[in-house]
Structure formats: structure tokens, C-alpha cells
PDB file of all heavy atoms in Angstrom:
ATOM      1  N   ASP A   1       5.059  55.743  10.549  1.00  0.00           N
ATOM      2  CA  ASP A   1       4.756  56.856  11.452  1.00  0.00           C
ATOM      3  C   ASP A   1       4.360  58.136  10.720  1.00  0.00           C
ATOM      4  O   ASP A   1       4.143  59.175  11.353  1.00  0.00           O
ATOM      5  CB  ASP A   1       5.964  57.146  12.345  1.00  0.00           C
ATOM      6  CG  ASP A   1       6.295  55.977  13.250  1.00  0.00           C
ATOM      7  OD1 ASP A   1       5.352  55.269  13.651  1.00  0.00           O
ATOM      8  OD2 ASP A   1       7.491  55.767  13.532  1.00  0.00           O
ATOM      9  N   ARG A   2       4.310  58.085   9.405  1.00  0.00           N
ATOM     10  CA  ARG A   2       3.926  59.245   8.582  1.00  0.00           C
ATOM     11  C   ARG A   2       4.830  60.453   8.852  1.00  0.00           C
ATOM     12  O   ARG A   2       4.356  61.573   9.038  1.00  0.00           O
ATOM     13  CB  ARG A   2       2.465  59.638   8.835  1.00  0.00           C
ATOM     14  CG  ARG A   2       1.466  58.627   8.327  1.00  0.00           C
ATOM     15  CD  ARG A   2       0.072  59.204   8.381  1.00  0.00           C
ATOM     16  NE  ARG A   2      -0.912  58.322   7.786  1.00  0.00           N
ATOM     17  CZ  ARG A   2      -2.169  58.658   7.555  1.00  0.00           C
ATOM     18  NH1 ARG A   2      -2.598  59.870   7.879  1.00  0.00           N
ATOM     19  NH2 ARG A   2      -3.013  57.811   7.002  1.00  0.00           N
ATOM     20  N   THR A   3       6.103  60.221   8.876  1.00  0.00           N
ATOM     21  CA  THR A   3       7.042  61.320   9.093  1.00  0.00           C
ATOM     22  C   THR A   3       7.521  61.939   7.788  1.00  0.00           C
ATOM     23  O   THR A   3       8.103  63.028   7.788  1.00  0.00           O
ATOM     24  CB  THR A   3       8.260  60.821   9.886  1.00  0.00           C
ATOM     25  OG1 THR A   3       8.866  59.722   9.194  1.00  0.00           O
ATOM     26  CG2 THR A   3       7.836  60.373  11.282  1.00  0.00           C
ATOM     27  N   GLY A   4       7.290  61.254   6.663  1.00  0.00           N
ATOM     28  CA  GLY A   4       7.734  61.771   5.372  1.00  0.00           C
ATOM     29  C   GLY A   4       6.881  62.937   4.909  1.00  0.00           C
ATOM     30  O   GLY A   4       5.709  63.060   5.265  1.00  0.00           O
ATOM     31  N   GLY A   5       7.483  63.800   4.095  1.00  0.00           N
ATOM     32  CA  GLY A   5       6.748  64.936   3.548  1.00  0.00           C
ATOM     33  C   GLY A   5       5.863  64.534   2.390  1.00  0.00           C
ATOM     34  O   GLY A   5       5.815  63.364   1.979  1.00  0.00           O
ATOM     35  N   ASP A   6       5.166  65.532   1.833  1.00  0.00           N
ATOM     36  CA  ASP A   6       4.237  65.252   0.736  1.00  0.00           C
ATOM     37  C   ASP A   6       4.939  64.673  -0.485  1.00  0.00           C
ATOM     38  O   ASP A   6       4.411  63.778  -1.154  1.00  0.00           O
ATOM     39  CB  ASP A   6       3.498  66.537   0.347  1.00  0.00           C
ATOM     40  CG  ASP A   6       2.467  66.946   1.388  1.00  0.00           C
ATOM     41  OD1 ASP A   6       2.097  66.101   2.221  1.00  0.00           O
ATOM     42  OD2 ASP A   6       2.030  68.111   1.360  1.00  0.00           O
ATOM     43  N   GLY A   7       6.126  65.184  -0.785  1.00  0.00           N
ATOM     44  CA  GLY A   7       6.857  64.668  -1.929  1.00  0.00           C
ATOM     45  C   GLY A   7       7.226  63.209  -1.759  1.00  0.00           C
ATOM     46  O   GLY A   7       7.076  62.400  -2.691  1.00  0.00           O
ATOM     47  N   PHE A   8       7.686  62.857  -0.572  1.00  0.00           N
ATOM     48  CA  PHE A   8       8.029  61.462  -0.293  1.00  0.00           C
ATOM     49  C   PHE A   8       6.789  60.580  -0.382  1.00  0.00           C
ATOM     50  O   PHE A   8       6.834  59.475  -0.936  1.00  0.00           O
ATOM     51  CB  PHE A   8       8.661  61.356   1.092  1.00  0.00           C
ATOM     52  CG  PHE A   8       8.977  59.954   1.519  1.00  0.00           C
ATOM     53  CD1 PHE A   8      10.068  59.291   0.991  1.00  0.00           C
ATOM     54  CD2 PHE A   8       8.172  59.295   2.442  1.00  0.00           C
ATOM     55  CE1 PHE A   8      10.364  57.991   1.387  1.00  0.00           C
ATOM     56  CE2 PHE A   8       8.455  58.005   2.835  1.00  0.00           C
ATOM     57  CZ  PHE A   8       9.555  57.350   2.310  1.00  0.00           C
ATOM     58  N   ARG A   9       5.693  61.059   0.150  1.00  0.00           N
ATOM     59  CA  ARG A   9       4.455  60.272   0.106  1.00  0.00           C
ATOM     60  C   ARG A   9       3.985  60.076  -1.337  1.00  0.00           C
ATOM     61  O   ARG A   9       3.503  58.998  -1.701  1.00  0.00           O
ATOM     62  CB  ARG A   9       3.366  60.964   0.920  1.00  0.00           C
ATOM     63  CG  ARG A   9       3.676  61.032   2.405  1.00  0.00           C
ATOM     64  CD  ARG A   9       2.570  61.717   3.181  1.00  0.00           C
ATOM     65  NE  ARG A   9       2.965  61.985   4.562  1.00  0.00           N
ATOM     66  CZ  ARG A   9       2.175  62.463   5.485  1.00  0.00           C
ATOM     67  NH1 ARG A   9       0.912  62.751   5.191  1.00  0.00           N
ATOM     68  NH2 ARG A   9       2.608  62.680   6.712  1.00  0.00           N
ATOM     69  N   ALA A  10       4.126  61.113  -2.157  1.00  0.00           N
ATOM     70  CA  ALA A  10       3.735  60.988  -3.558  1.00  0.00           C
ATOM     71  C   ALA A  10       4.590  59.943  -4.269  1.00  0.00           C
ATOM     72  O   ALA A  10       4.076  59.144  -5.072  1.00  0.00           O
ATOM     73  CB  ALA A  10       3.841  62.340  -4.254  1.00  0.00           C
ATOM     74  N   LEU A  11       5.891  59.937  -3.991  1.00  0.00           N
ATOM     75  CA  LEU A  11       6.768  58.927  -4.583  1.00  0.00           C
ATOM     76  C   LEU A  11       6.381  57.529  -4.105  1.00  0.00           C
ATOM     77  O   LEU A  11       6.365  56.570  -4.894  1.00  0.00           O
ATOM     78  CB  LEU A  11       8.225  59.222  -4.223  1.00  0.00           C
ATOM     79  CG  LEU A  11       8.876  60.419  -4.920  1.00  0.00           C
ATOM     80  CD1 LEU A  11      10.272  60.662  -4.358  1.00  0.00           C
ATOM     81  CD2 LEU A  11       8.948  60.174  -6.433  1.00  0.00           C
ATOM     82  N   CYS A  12       6.064  57.408  -2.827  1.00  0.00           N
ATOM     83  CA  CYS A  12       5.617  56.113  -2.295  1.00  0.00           C
ATOM     84  C   CYS A  12       4.326  55.660  -2.981  1.00  0.00           C
ATOM     85  O   CYS A  12       4.167  54.485  -3.319  1.00  0.00           O
ATOM     86  CB  CYS A  12       5.404  56.203  -0.786  1.00  0.00           C
ATOM     87  SG  CYS A  12       6.916  56.312   0.177  1.00  0.00           S
ATOM     88  N   ALA A  13       3.406  56.601  -3.181  1.00  0.00           N
ATOM     89  CA  ALA A  13       2.135  56.264  -3.833  1.00  0.00           C
ATOM     90  C   ALA A  13       2.380  55.760  -5.255  1.00  0.00           C
ATOM     91  O   ALA A  13       1.772  54.770  -5.688  1.00  0.00           O
ATOM     92  CB  ALA A  13       1.224  57.485  -3.843  1.00  0.00           C
ATOM     93  N   ALA A  14       3.285  56.436  -5.996  1.00  0.00           N
ATOM     94  CA  ALA A  14       3.591  56.000  -7.357  1.00  0.00           C
ATOM     95  C   ALA A  14       4.235  54.616  -7.357  1.00  0.00           C
ATOM     96  O   ALA A  14       3.916  53.759  -8.197  1.00  0.00           O
ATOM     97  CB  ALA A  14       4.511  57.018  -8.032  1.00  0.00           C
ATOM     98  N   ALA A  15       5.142  54.396  -6.400  1.00  0.00           N
ATOM     99  CA  ALA A  15       5.796  53.090  -6.313  1.00  0.00           C
ATOM    100  C   ALA A  15       4.796  51.988  -5.978  1.00  0.00           C
ATOM    101  O   ALA A  15       4.835  50.890  -6.560  1.00  0.00           O
ATOM    102  CB  ALA A  15       6.909  53.134  -5.270  1.00  0.00           C
ATOM    103  N   LEU A  16       3.875  52.280  -5.059  1.00  0.00           N
ATOM    104  CA  LEU A  16       2.893  51.264  -4.680  1.00  0.00           C
ATOM    105  C   LEU A  16       1.861  51.037  -5.783  1.00  0.00           C
ATOM    106  O   LEU A  16       1.297  49.940  -5.882  1.00  0.00           O
ATOM    107  CB  LEU A  16       2.222  51.659  -3.370  1.00  0.00           C
ATOM    108  CG  LEU A  16       3.137  51.617  -2.141  1.00  0.00           C
ATOM    109  CD1 LEU A  16       2.386  52.038  -0.892  1.00  0.00           C
ATOM    110  CD2 LEU A  16       3.745  50.231  -1.951  1.00  0.00           C
ATOM    111  N   LEU A  17       1.626  52.050  -6.613  1.00  0.00           N
ATOM    112  CA  LEU A  17       0.790  51.831  -7.795  1.00  0.00           C
ATOM    113  C   LEU A  17       1.460  50.823  -8.720  1.00  0.00           C
ATOM    114  O   LEU A  17       0.803  49.888  -9.223  1.00  0.00           O
ATOM    115  CB  LEU A  17       0.547  53.150  -8.522  1.00  0.00           C
ATOM    116  CG  LEU A  17      -0.150  53.051  -9.883  1.00  0.00           C
ATOM    117  CD1 LEU A  17      -1.544  52.430  -9.748  1.00  0.00           C
ATOM    118  CD2 LEU A  17      -0.246  54.436 -10.535  1.00  0.00           C
ATOM    119  N   ALA A  18       2.754  51.011  -8.954  1.00  0.00           N
ATOM    120  CA  ALA A  18       3.484  50.070  -9.807  1.00  0.00           C
ATOM    121  C   ALA A  18       3.470  48.665  -9.212  1.00  0.00           C
ATOM    122  O   ALA A  18       3.277  47.666  -9.929  1.00  0.00           O
ATOM    123  CB  ALA A  18       4.916  50.560 -10.009  1.00  0.00           C
ATOM    124  N   VAL A  19       3.663  48.572  -7.898  1.00  0.00           N
ATOM    125  CA  VAL A  19       3.622  47.266  -7.238  1.00  0.00           C
ATOM    126  C   VAL A  19       2.238  46.641  -7.371  1.00  0.00           C
ATOM    127  O   VAL A  19       2.102  45.435  -7.644  1.00  0.00           O
ATOM    128  CB  VAL A  19       4.020  47.406  -5.754  1.00  0.00           C
ATOM    129  CG1 VAL A  19       3.780  46.086  -5.011  1.00  0.00           C
ATOM    130  CG2 VAL A  19       5.477  47.819  -5.634  1.00  0.00           C
ATOM    131  N   SER A  20       1.202  47.446  -7.206  1.00  0.00           N
ATOM    132  CA  SER A  20      -0.174  46.937  -7.319  1.00  0.00           C
ATOM    133  C   SER A  20      -0.443  46.383  -8.712  1.00  0.00           C
ATOM    134  O   SER A  20      -1.063  45.329  -8.864  1.00  0.00           O
ATOM    135  CB  SER A  20      -1.178  48.047  -6.995  1.00  0.00           C
ATOM    136  OG  SER A  20      -1.076  48.458  -5.654  1.00  0.00           O
ATOM    137  N   VAL A  21       0.027  47.092  -9.737  1.00  0.00           N
ATOM    138  CA  VAL A  21      -0.164  46.620 -11.113  1.00  0.00           C
ATOM    139  C   VAL A  21       0.593  45.314 -11.327  1.00  0.00           C
ATOM    140  O   VAL A  21       0.067  44.360 -11.928  1.00  0.00           O
ATOM    141  CB  VAL A  21       0.279  47.687 -12.120  1.00  0.00           C
ATOM    142  CG1 VAL A  21       0.309  47.119 -13.545  1.00  0.00           C
ATOM    143  CG2 VAL A  21      -0.655  48.897 -12.070  1.00  0.00           C
ATOM    144  N   ALA A  22       1.831  45.246 -10.828  1.00  0.00           N
ATOM    145  CA  ALA A  22       2.626  44.028 -10.999  1.00  0.00           C
ATOM    146  C   ALA A  22       1.983  42.835 -10.283  1.00  0.00           C
ATOM    147  O   ALA A  22       1.878  41.740 -10.846  1.00  0.00           O
ATOM    148  CB  ALA A  22       4.044  44.264 -10.481  1.00  0.00           C
ATOM    149  N   VAL A  23       1.561  43.048  -9.045  1.00  0.00           N
ATOM    150  CA  VAL A  23       0.911  41.963  -8.304  1.00  0.00           C
ATOM    151  C   VAL A  23      -0.401  41.573  -8.970  1.00  0.00           C
ATOM    152  O   VAL A  23      -0.751  40.382  -9.047  1.00  0.00           O
ATOM    153  CB  VAL A  23       0.685  42.377  -6.836  1.00  0.00           C
ATOM    154  CG1 VAL A  23      -0.111  41.319  -6.085  1.00  0.00           C
ATOM    155  CG2 VAL A  23       2.019  42.623  -6.139  1.00  0.00           C
ATOM    156  N   SER A  24      -1.130  42.559  -9.482  1.00  0.00           N
ATOM    157  CA  SER A  24      -2.395  42.277 -10.172  1.00  0.00           C
ATOM    158  C   SER A  24      -2.163  41.400 -11.388  1.00  0.00           C
ATOM    159  O   SER A  24      -2.926  40.451 -11.642  1.00  0.00           O
ATOM    160  CB  SER A  24      -3.048  43.588 -10.617  1.00  0.00           C
ATOM    161  OG  SER A  24      -3.278  44.435  -9.538  1.00  0.00           O
ATOM    162  N   TRP A  25      -1.127  41.737 -12.152  1.00  0.00           N
ATOM    163  CA  TRP A  25      -0.821  40.915 -13.330  1.00  0.00           C
ATOM    164  C   TRP A  25      -0.496  39.485 -12.909  1.00  0.00           C
ATOM    165  O   TRP A  25      -0.946  38.524 -13.542  1.00  0.00           O
ATOM    166  CB  TRP A  25       0.345  41.516 -14.103  1.00  0.00           C
ATOM    167  CG  TRP A  25       0.758  40.639 -15.246  1.00  0.00           C
ATOM    168  CD1 TRP A  25       0.194  40.549 -16.485  1.00  0.00           C
ATOM    169  CD2 TRP A  25       1.821  39.667 -15.221  1.00  0.00           C
ATOM    170  NE1 TRP A  25       0.837  39.585 -17.238  1.00  0.00           N
ATOM    171  CE2 TRP A  25       1.833  39.030 -16.493  1.00  0.00           C
ATOM    172  CE3 TRP A  25       2.754  39.284 -14.256  1.00  0.00           C
ATOM    173  CZ2 TRP A  25       2.757  38.036 -16.813  1.00  0.00           C
ATOM    174  CZ3 TRP A  25       3.667  38.284 -14.580  1.00  0.00           C
ATOM    175  CH2 TRP A  25       3.661  37.676 -15.847  1.00  0.00           C
ATOM    176  N   ALA A  26       0.279  39.333 -11.834  1.00  0.00           N
ATOM    177  CA  ALA A  26       0.631  37.998 -11.373  1.00  0.00           C
ATOM    178  C   ALA A  26      -0.610  37.214 -10.935  1.00  0.00           C
ATOM    179  O   ALA A  26      -0.752  36.026 -11.264  1.00  0.00           O
ATOM    180  CB  ALA A  26       1.632  38.092 -10.217  1.00  0.00           C
ATOM    181  N   VAL A  27      -1.509  37.867 -10.213  1.00  0.00           N
ATOM    182  CA  VAL A  27      -2.740  37.200  -9.772  1.00  0.00           C
ATOM    183  C   VAL A  27      -3.624  36.869 -10.970  1.00  0.00           C
ATOM    184  O   VAL A  27      -4.200  35.775 -11.052  1.00  0.00           O
ATOM    185  CB  VAL A  27      -3.486  38.079  -8.754  1.00  0.00           C
ATOM    186  CG1 VAL A  27      -4.872  37.496  -8.439  1.00  0.00           C
ATOM    187  CG2 VAL A  27      -2.683  38.233  -7.473  1.00  0.00           C
ATOM    188  N   TYR A  28      -3.714  37.808 -11.913  1.00  0.00           N
ATOM    189  CA  TYR A  28      -4.532  37.567 -13.109  1.00  0.00           C
ATOM    190  C   TYR A  28      -3.975  36.399 -13.919  1.00  0.00           C
ATOM    191  O   TYR A  28      -4.719  35.487 -14.311  1.00  0.00           O
ATOM    192  CB  TYR A  28      -4.580  38.833 -13.962  1.00  0.00           C
ATOM    193  CG  TYR A  28      -5.230  38.629 -15.314  1.00  0.00           C
ATOM    194  CD1 TYR A  28      -6.618  38.506 -15.426  1.00  0.00           C
ATOM    195  CD2 TYR A  28      -4.458  38.553 -16.470  1.00  0.00           C
ATOM    196  CE1 TYR A  28      -7.218  38.310 -16.660  1.00  0.00           C
ATOM    197  CE2 TYR A  28      -5.056  38.360 -17.717  1.00  0.00           C
ATOM    198  CZ  TYR A  28      -6.432  38.240 -17.807  1.00  0.00           C
ATOM    199  OH  TYR A  28      -7.020  38.040 -19.030  1.00  0.00           O
ATOM    200  N   ALA A  29      -2.647  36.435 -14.169  1.00  0.00           N
ATOM    201  CA  ALA A  29      -2.037  35.415 -15.017  1.00  0.00           C
ATOM    202  C   ALA A  29      -1.921  34.070 -14.313  1.00  0.00           C
ATOM    203  O   ALA A  29      -2.021  33.014 -14.954  1.00  0.00           O
ATOM    204  CB  ALA A  29      -0.653  35.888 -15.473  1.00  0.00           C
ATOM    205  N   GLY A  30      -1.708  34.103 -12.981  1.00  0.00           N
ATOM    206  CA  GLY A  30      -1.477  32.857 -12.262  1.00  0.00           C
ATOM    207  C   GLY A  30      -2.685  32.250 -11.595  1.00  0.00           C
ATOM    208  O   GLY A  30      -2.686  31.059 -11.283  1.00  0.00           O
ATOM    209  N   VAL A  31      -3.723  33.061 -11.380  1.00  0.00           N
ATOM    210  CA  VAL A  31      -4.907  32.574 -10.654  1.00  0.00           C
ATOM    211  C   VAL A  31      -6.176  32.781 -11.475  1.00  0.00           C
ATOM    212  O   VAL A  31      -6.855  31.817 -11.849  1.00  0.00           O
ATOM    213  CB  VAL A  31      -5.042  33.270  -9.281  1.00  0.00           C
ATOM    214  CG1 VAL A  31      -6.307  32.781  -8.560  1.00  0.00           C
ATOM    215  CG2 VAL A  31      -3.809  33.010  -8.419  1.00  0.00           C
TER     216      VAL A  31
END
């Protein structure tokens, strides 16, 4: 619902960047 503030969104963005890199490595290494 986008109720979080800018700081929360920035933390979410950083976390999802880390998740994206991890998933990318798995797809690269496994597929």
C-alpha cells in the first residue's frame, strides 16, 4: 500500500538489490 516513508523504501530497495543479485547468481550458476 506504499505506507512506508522514504527511509523505509530506501532500505527495501537495498534489500531487494541484494535479493536480485543472489537470485541472479543462482540463475547464472544453475541455468
